[in-house]
């Protein structure tokens, strides 16, 4: 997706629908072309940070290097 806003929404959708407290996704899995999320890795990191600042409970698990949405 070339649209920055759409990428942000897709990142949010992937994290909220495909992760939870026990199952996370690596950055490589988040940026899977089948998910429609394209761009620089740095941009996706910035999207995740923006979602965290917005108040979404997205955490990074250092043990398995995954991002998770915690309800």
N, C-alpha and C. Protein backbone atom coordinates (compact mmCIF):
# COMPACT_ATOMS: atom_id res chain seq x y z
N UNK A 1 0.86 -1.18 0.00
CA UNK A 1 0.00 0.00 0.00
C UNK A 1 0.89 1.23 0.00
N UNK A 2 0.67 2.10 -0.93
CA UNK A 2 1.49 3.30 -1.01
C UNK A 2 0.94 4.42 -0.15
N UNK A 3 -0.34 4.35 0.19
CA UNK A 3 -0.97 5.37 1.01
C UNK A 3 -0.56 5.17 2.47
N UNK A 4 0.07 6.18 3.04
CA UNK A 4 0.58 6.09 4.41
C UNK A 4 -0.54 5.84 5.41
N UNK A 5 -1.66 6.51 5.25
CA UNK A 5 -2.77 6.34 6.19
C UNK A 5 -3.32 4.92 6.11
N UNK A 6 -3.42 4.39 4.90
CA UNK A 6 -3.93 3.05 4.73
C UNK A 6 -2.98 2.03 5.37
N UNK A 7 -1.66 2.26 5.22
CA UNK A 7 -0.70 1.35 5.83
C UNK A 7 -0.86 1.34 7.34
N UNK A 8 -1.04 2.51 7.94
CA UNK A 8 -1.24 2.60 9.37
C UNK A 8 -2.46 1.79 9.81
N UNK A 9 -3.55 1.92 9.06
CA UNK A 9 -4.76 1.18 9.39
C UNK A 9 -4.58 -0.32 9.19
N UNK A 10 -3.84 -0.71 8.17
CA UNK A 10 -3.58 -2.13 7.95
C UNK A 10 -2.72 -2.72 9.07
N UNK A 11 -1.73 -1.96 9.52
CA UNK A 11 -0.89 -2.42 10.64
C UNK A 11 -1.76 -2.61 11.87
N UNK A 12 -2.64 -1.66 12.14
CA UNK A 12 -3.55 -1.77 13.28
C UNK A 12 -4.44 -3.01 13.13
N UNK A 13 -4.98 -3.22 11.95
CA UNK A 13 -5.86 -4.36 11.72
C UNK A 13 -5.13 -5.68 11.93
N UNK A 14 -3.93 -5.80 11.38
CA UNK A 14 -3.16 -7.03 11.53
C UNK A 14 -2.87 -7.31 13.00
N UNK A 15 -2.43 -6.29 13.73
CA UNK A 15 -2.07 -6.51 15.13
C UNK A 15 -3.28 -6.80 16.00
N UNK A 16 -4.40 -6.14 15.75
CA UNK A 16 -5.58 -6.37 16.59
C UNK A 16 -6.29 -7.67 16.25
N UNK A 17 -6.21 -8.12 15.02
CA UNK A 17 -6.93 -9.33 14.62
C UNK A 17 -6.08 -10.59 14.65
N UNK A 18 -4.77 -10.46 14.54
CA UNK A 18 -3.94 -11.66 14.42
C UNK A 18 -2.98 -11.88 15.58
N UNK A 19 -3.03 -11.02 16.59
CA UNK A 19 -2.17 -11.22 17.75
C UNK A 19 -2.99 -11.11 19.03
N UNK A 20 -2.43 -11.63 20.11
CA UNK A 20 -3.03 -11.49 21.44
C UNK A 20 -1.91 -11.63 22.46
N UNK A 21 -2.28 -11.77 23.73
CA UNK A 21 -1.28 -11.82 24.79
C UNK A 21 -0.29 -12.97 24.62
N UNK A 22 -0.73 -14.06 23.98
CA UNK A 22 0.11 -15.25 23.87
C UNK A 22 0.75 -15.45 22.50
N UNK A 23 0.23 -14.77 21.49
CA UNK A 23 0.71 -14.97 20.12
C UNK A 23 1.01 -13.63 19.46
N UNK A 24 2.26 -13.46 19.09
CA UNK A 24 2.67 -12.21 18.45
C UNK A 24 3.11 -12.43 17.02
N UNK A 25 3.47 -11.36 16.37
CA UNK A 25 3.99 -11.40 15.01
C UNK A 25 5.33 -10.67 14.97
N UNK A 26 6.27 -11.24 14.23
CA UNK A 26 7.54 -10.57 14.01
C UNK A 26 7.33 -9.47 12.99
N UNK A 27 8.30 -8.59 12.87
CA UNK A 27 8.19 -7.53 11.87
C UNK A 27 8.09 -8.13 10.47
N UNK A 28 8.84 -9.20 10.23
CA UNK A 28 8.78 -9.85 8.92
C UNK A 28 7.37 -10.37 8.64
N UNK A 29 6.72 -10.93 9.65
CA UNK A 29 5.36 -11.43 9.47
C UNK A 29 4.36 -10.29 9.28
N UNK A 30 4.57 -9.19 9.97
CA UNK A 30 3.69 -8.03 9.82
C UNK A 30 3.80 -7.49 8.41
N UNK A 31 5.01 -7.46 7.86
CA UNK A 31 5.24 -6.89 6.54
C UNK A 31 5.06 -7.90 5.41
N UNK A 32 4.41 -9.01 5.68
CA UNK A 32 4.12 -10.02 4.67
C UNK A 32 3.33 -9.37 3.52
N UNK A 33 3.81 -9.50 2.29
CA UNK A 33 3.12 -8.88 1.15
C UNK A 33 1.63 -9.27 1.03
N UNK A 34 1.28 -10.46 1.48
CA UNK A 34 -0.12 -10.89 1.42
C UNK A 34 -1.02 -10.03 2.32
N UNK A 35 -0.43 -9.39 3.31
CA UNK A 35 -1.20 -8.53 4.21
C UNK A 35 -1.40 -7.14 3.61
N UNK A 36 -0.69 -6.85 2.55
CA UNK A 36 -0.83 -5.55 1.88
C UNK A 36 -0.03 -4.43 2.51
N UNK A 37 0.83 -4.76 3.45
CA UNK A 37 1.62 -3.74 4.13
C UNK A 37 2.99 -3.65 3.45
N UNK A 38 3.23 -2.53 2.83
CA UNK A 38 4.49 -2.34 2.12
C UNK A 38 5.15 -1.07 2.62
N UNK A 39 6.40 -0.94 2.30
CA UNK A 39 7.15 0.25 2.71
C UNK A 39 8.40 -0.14 3.43
N UNK A 40 9.06 0.85 3.95
CA UNK A 40 10.29 0.62 4.70
C UNK A 40 9.96 0.07 6.08
N UNK A 41 10.81 -0.78 6.57
CA UNK A 41 10.65 -1.33 7.91
C UNK A 41 10.55 -0.20 8.94
N UNK A 42 11.36 0.83 8.76
CA UNK A 42 11.35 1.97 9.68
C UNK A 42 9.97 2.63 9.72
N UNK A 43 9.31 2.71 8.58
CA UNK A 43 7.97 3.31 8.52
C UNK A 43 6.96 2.50 9.32
N UNK A 44 7.08 1.19 9.26
CA UNK A 44 6.15 0.33 10.01
C UNK A 44 6.43 0.45 11.50
N UNK A 45 7.70 0.56 11.90
CA UNK A 45 8.03 0.81 13.30
C UNK A 45 7.38 2.12 13.76
N UNK A 46 7.45 3.14 12.93
CA UNK A 46 6.84 4.43 13.26
C UNK A 46 5.32 4.31 13.37
N UNK A 47 4.72 3.50 12.50
CA UNK A 47 3.28 3.27 12.58
C UNK A 47 2.91 2.61 13.90
N UNK A 48 3.67 1.62 14.30
CA UNK A 48 3.40 0.93 15.56
C UNK A 48 3.55 1.90 16.72
N UNK A 49 4.58 2.73 16.68
CA UNK A 49 4.79 3.72 17.74
C UNK A 49 3.62 4.70 17.79
N UNK A 50 3.13 5.13 16.63
CA UNK A 50 1.99 6.05 16.59
C UNK A 50 0.75 5.40 17.18
N UNK A 51 0.54 4.13 16.90
CA UNK A 51 -0.61 3.41 17.46
C UNK A 51 -0.48 3.30 18.98
N UNK A 52 0.73 3.09 19.46
CA UNK A 52 0.96 3.03 20.91
C UNK A 52 0.68 4.39 21.54
N UNK A 53 1.14 5.46 20.91
CA UNK A 53 0.89 6.81 21.43
C UNK A 53 -0.59 7.13 21.43
N UNK A 54 -1.31 6.59 20.46
CA UNK A 54 -2.75 6.78 20.36
C UNK A 54 -3.48 6.07 21.50
N UNK A 55 -2.83 5.08 22.09
CA UNK A 55 -3.41 4.38 23.23
C UNK A 55 -3.68 2.91 23.03
N UNK A 56 -3.33 2.36 21.87
CA UNK A 56 -3.54 0.93 21.66
C UNK A 56 -2.49 0.15 22.45
N UNK A 57 -2.91 -0.88 23.16
CA UNK A 57 -1.97 -1.65 23.98
C UNK A 57 -1.17 -2.65 23.14
N UNK A 58 -0.23 -2.11 22.38
CA UNK A 58 0.65 -2.94 21.56
C UNK A 58 1.99 -3.01 22.28
N UNK A 59 2.46 -4.22 22.52
CA UNK A 59 3.72 -4.39 23.24
C UNK A 59 4.69 -5.20 22.39
N UNK A 60 5.97 -4.99 22.67
CA UNK A 60 7.02 -5.76 22.01
C UNK A 60 7.55 -6.76 23.00
N UNK A 61 7.57 -8.02 22.61
CA UNK A 61 8.08 -9.10 23.47
C UNK A 61 9.51 -9.41 23.04
N UNK A 62 10.47 -9.13 23.91
CA UNK A 62 11.87 -9.34 23.56
C UNK A 62 12.24 -10.81 23.47
N UNK A 63 11.51 -11.68 24.16
CA UNK A 63 11.84 -13.10 24.17
C UNK A 63 11.76 -13.72 22.78
N UNK A 64 10.69 -13.40 22.04
CA UNK A 64 10.54 -13.98 20.70
C UNK A 64 10.51 -12.91 19.61
N UNK A 65 10.81 -11.66 20.01
CA UNK A 65 10.90 -10.53 19.07
C UNK A 65 9.61 -10.35 18.27
N UNK A 66 8.48 -10.33 18.99
CA UNK A 66 7.19 -10.15 18.34
C UNK A 66 6.44 -8.97 18.94
N UNK A 67 5.50 -8.47 18.13
CA UNK A 67 4.60 -7.43 18.58
C UNK A 67 3.25 -8.08 18.88
N UNK A 68 2.61 -7.62 19.95
CA UNK A 68 1.35 -8.22 20.39
C UNK A 68 0.35 -7.15 20.81
N UNK A 69 -0.90 -7.42 20.51
CA UNK A 69 -2.00 -6.57 20.97
C UNK A 69 -2.53 -7.19 22.24
N UNK A 70 -2.50 -6.44 23.32
CA UNK A 70 -2.97 -6.97 24.60
C UNK A 70 -4.24 -6.26 25.02
N UNK A 71 -5.30 -7.04 25.15
CA UNK A 71 -6.58 -6.44 25.55
C UNK A 71 -6.72 -6.35 27.04
